[in-house]
Amino acid sequence: MDKKGQQGANTSNFIDFQASTKYFFDTAQQCFDHCVTDFQAKSLTPAEKECTKACFTKQMTIYGSLISNISKTGESL
């Protein structure tokens, strides 16, 4: 790959990284907003911790499956 092609690939990878990072933080925020209800305590309750963990794990599993399916589709084209 020539230098120009490598720069394009690096830019594409950076954009993919930015999108993934944004999704990661947006998902964490959505799970926090959904699960955390008691703002009087300094710490999360066990139920809030479990809800947040389950929510985030579920969303990341879905995201991983989506990326995997997109990759497979792209390879078959």
C-alpha atoms as a PDB file:
ATOM      1  CA  MET A   1       0.000   0.000   0.000  1.00  0.00           C
ATOM      2  CA  ASP A   2       1.375   3.402  -0.908  1.00  0.00           C
ATOM      3  CA  LYS A   3       1.691   6.271   1.567  1.00  0.00           C
ATOM      4  CA  LYS A   4      -1.562   7.925   0.433  1.00  0.00           C
ATOM      5  CA  GLY A   5      -3.485   4.664   0.786  1.00  0.00           C
ATOM      6  CA  GLN A   6      -2.010   4.108   4.251  1.00  0.00           C
ATOM      7  CA  GLN A   7      -3.091   7.604   5.328  1.00  0.00           C
ATOM      8  CA  GLY A   8      -6.619   6.908   4.108  1.00  0.00           C
ATOM      9  CA  ALA A   9      -6.698   3.626   6.023  1.00  0.00           C
ATOM     10  CA  ASN A  10      -5.415   5.365   9.164  1.00  0.00           C
ATOM     11  CA  THR A  11      -8.103   8.044   8.829  1.00  0.00           C
ATOM     12  CA  SER A  12     -10.775   5.391   8.380  1.00  0.00           C
ATOM     13  CA  ASN A  13      -9.513   3.481  11.435  1.00  0.00           C
ATOM     14  CA  PHE A  14      -9.518   6.691  13.487  1.00  0.00           C
ATOM     15  CA  ILE A  15     -13.099   7.463  12.451  1.00  0.00           C
ATOM     16  CA  ASP A  16     -14.105   3.884  13.359  1.00  0.00           C
ATOM     17  CA  PHE A  17     -12.385   4.331  16.727  1.00  0.00           C
ATOM     18  CA  GLN A  18     -14.199   7.615  17.340  1.00  0.00           C
ATOM     19  CA  ALA A  19     -17.565   6.066  16.480  1.00  0.00           C
ATOM     20  CA  SER A  20     -16.907   3.068  18.731  1.00  0.00           C
ATOM     21  CA  THR A  21     -15.784   5.297  21.587  1.00  0.00           C
ATOM     22  CA  LYS A  22     -18.862   7.503  21.230  1.00  0.00           C
ATOM     23  CA  TYR A  23     -21.107   4.426  21.217  1.00  0.00           C
ATOM     24  CA  PHE A  24     -19.315   3.089  24.308  1.00  0.00           C
ATOM     25  CA  PHE A  25     -19.813   6.300  26.287  1.00  0.00           C
ATOM     26  CA  ASP A  26     -23.383   6.856  25.064  1.00  0.00           C
ATOM     27  CA  THR A  27     -24.275   3.299  26.067  1.00  0.00           C
ATOM     28  CA  ALA A  28     -22.723   3.743  29.508  1.00  0.00           C
ATOM     29  CA  GLN A  29     -24.729   6.955  29.957  1.00  0.00           C
ATOM     30  CA  GLN A  30     -27.973   5.309  28.853  1.00  0.00           C
ATOM     31  CA  CYS A  31     -27.445   2.390  31.230  1.00  0.00           C
ATOM     32  CA  PHE A  32     -26.596   4.765  34.078  1.00  0.00           C
ATOM     33  CA  ASP A  33     -29.688   6.859  33.384  1.00  0.00           C
ATOM     34  CA  HIS A  34     -31.862   3.743  33.251  1.00  0.00           C
ATOM     35  CA  CYS A  35     -30.471   1.988  36.324  1.00  0.00           C
ATOM     36  CA  VAL A  36     -29.389   4.619  38.832  1.00  0.00           C
ATOM     37  CA  THR A  37     -32.295   6.100  40.728  1.00  0.00           C
ATOM     38  CA  ASP A  38     -30.962   7.026  44.175  1.00  0.00           C
ATOM     39  CA  PHE A  39     -28.874  10.174  44.053  1.00  0.00           C
ATOM     40  CA  GLN A  40     -28.846  10.669  47.847  1.00  0.00           C
ATOM     41  CA  ALA A  41     -26.210   7.992  48.496  1.00  0.00           C
ATOM     42  CA  LYS A  42     -22.516   8.282  47.648  1.00  0.00           C
ATOM     43  CA  SER A  43     -22.381   4.753  46.257  1.00  0.00           C
ATOM     44  CA  LEU A  44     -24.505   2.708  43.939  1.00  0.00           C
ATOM     45  CA  THR A  45     -26.816   0.180  45.519  1.00  0.00           C
ATOM     46  CA  PRO A  46     -26.167  -3.488  44.710  1.00  0.00           C
ATOM     47  CA  ALA A  47     -29.288  -3.465  42.499  1.00  0.00           C
ATOM     48  CA  GLU A  48     -28.067  -0.377  40.615  1.00  0.00           C
ATOM     49  CA  LYS A  49     -24.638  -1.957  40.107  1.00  0.00           C
ATOM     50  CA  GLU A  50     -26.154  -5.179  38.797  1.00  0.00           C
ATOM     51  CA  CYS A  51     -28.598  -3.355  36.529  1.00  0.00           C
ATOM     52  CA  THR A  52     -25.850  -1.163  35.090  1.00  0.00           C
ATOM     53  CA  LYS A  53     -23.559  -4.138  34.511  1.00  0.00           C
ATOM     54  CA  ALA A  54     -26.301  -6.229  32.888  1.00  0.00           C
ATOM     55  CA  CYS A  55     -27.451  -3.339  30.704  1.00  0.00           C
ATOM     56  CA  PHE A  56     -23.955  -2.517  29.497  1.00  0.00           C
ATOM     57  CA  THR A  57     -23.038  -6.161  28.906  1.00  0.00           C
ATOM     58  CA  LYS A  58     -26.210  -6.700  26.879  1.00  0.00           C
ATOM     59  CA  GLN A  59     -25.633  -3.605  24.749  1.00  0.00           C
ATOM     60  CA  MET A  60     -21.967  -4.487  24.099  1.00  0.00           C
ATOM     61  CA  THR A  61     -22.969  -8.037  23.123  1.00  0.00           C
ATOM     62  CA  ILE A  62     -25.497  -6.646  20.651  1.00  0.00           C
ATOM     63  CA  TYR A  63     -22.921  -4.177  19.310  1.00  0.00           C
ATOM     64  CA  GLY A  64     -20.344  -6.954  18.883  1.00  0.00           C
ATOM     65  CA  SER A  65     -22.843  -9.110  17.014  1.00  0.00           C
ATOM     66  CA  LEU A  66     -23.785  -6.205  14.777  1.00  0.00           C
ATOM     67  CA  ILE A  67     -20.149  -5.437  13.930  1.00  0.00           C
ATOM     68  CA  SER A  68     -19.482  -9.123  13.287  1.00  0.00           C
ATOM     69  CA  ASN A  69     -22.451  -9.377  10.918  1.00  0.00           C
ATOM     70  CA  ILE A  70     -21.419  -6.216   9.083  1.00  0.00           C
ATOM     71  CA  SER A  71     -17.888  -7.583   8.689  1.00  0.00           C
ATOM     72  CA  LYS A  72     -19.171 -10.889   7.338  1.00  0.00           C
ATOM     73  CA  THR A  73     -21.466  -9.084   4.898  1.00  0.00           C
ATOM     74  CA  GLY A  74     -18.596  -6.901   3.715  1.00  0.00           C
ATOM     75  CA  GLU A  75     -16.369  -9.937   3.138  1.00  0.00           C
ATOM     76  CA  SER A  76     -18.989 -11.658   0.998  1.00  0.00           C
ATOM     77  CA  LEU A  77     -19.374  -8.693  -1.357  1.00  0.00           C
END
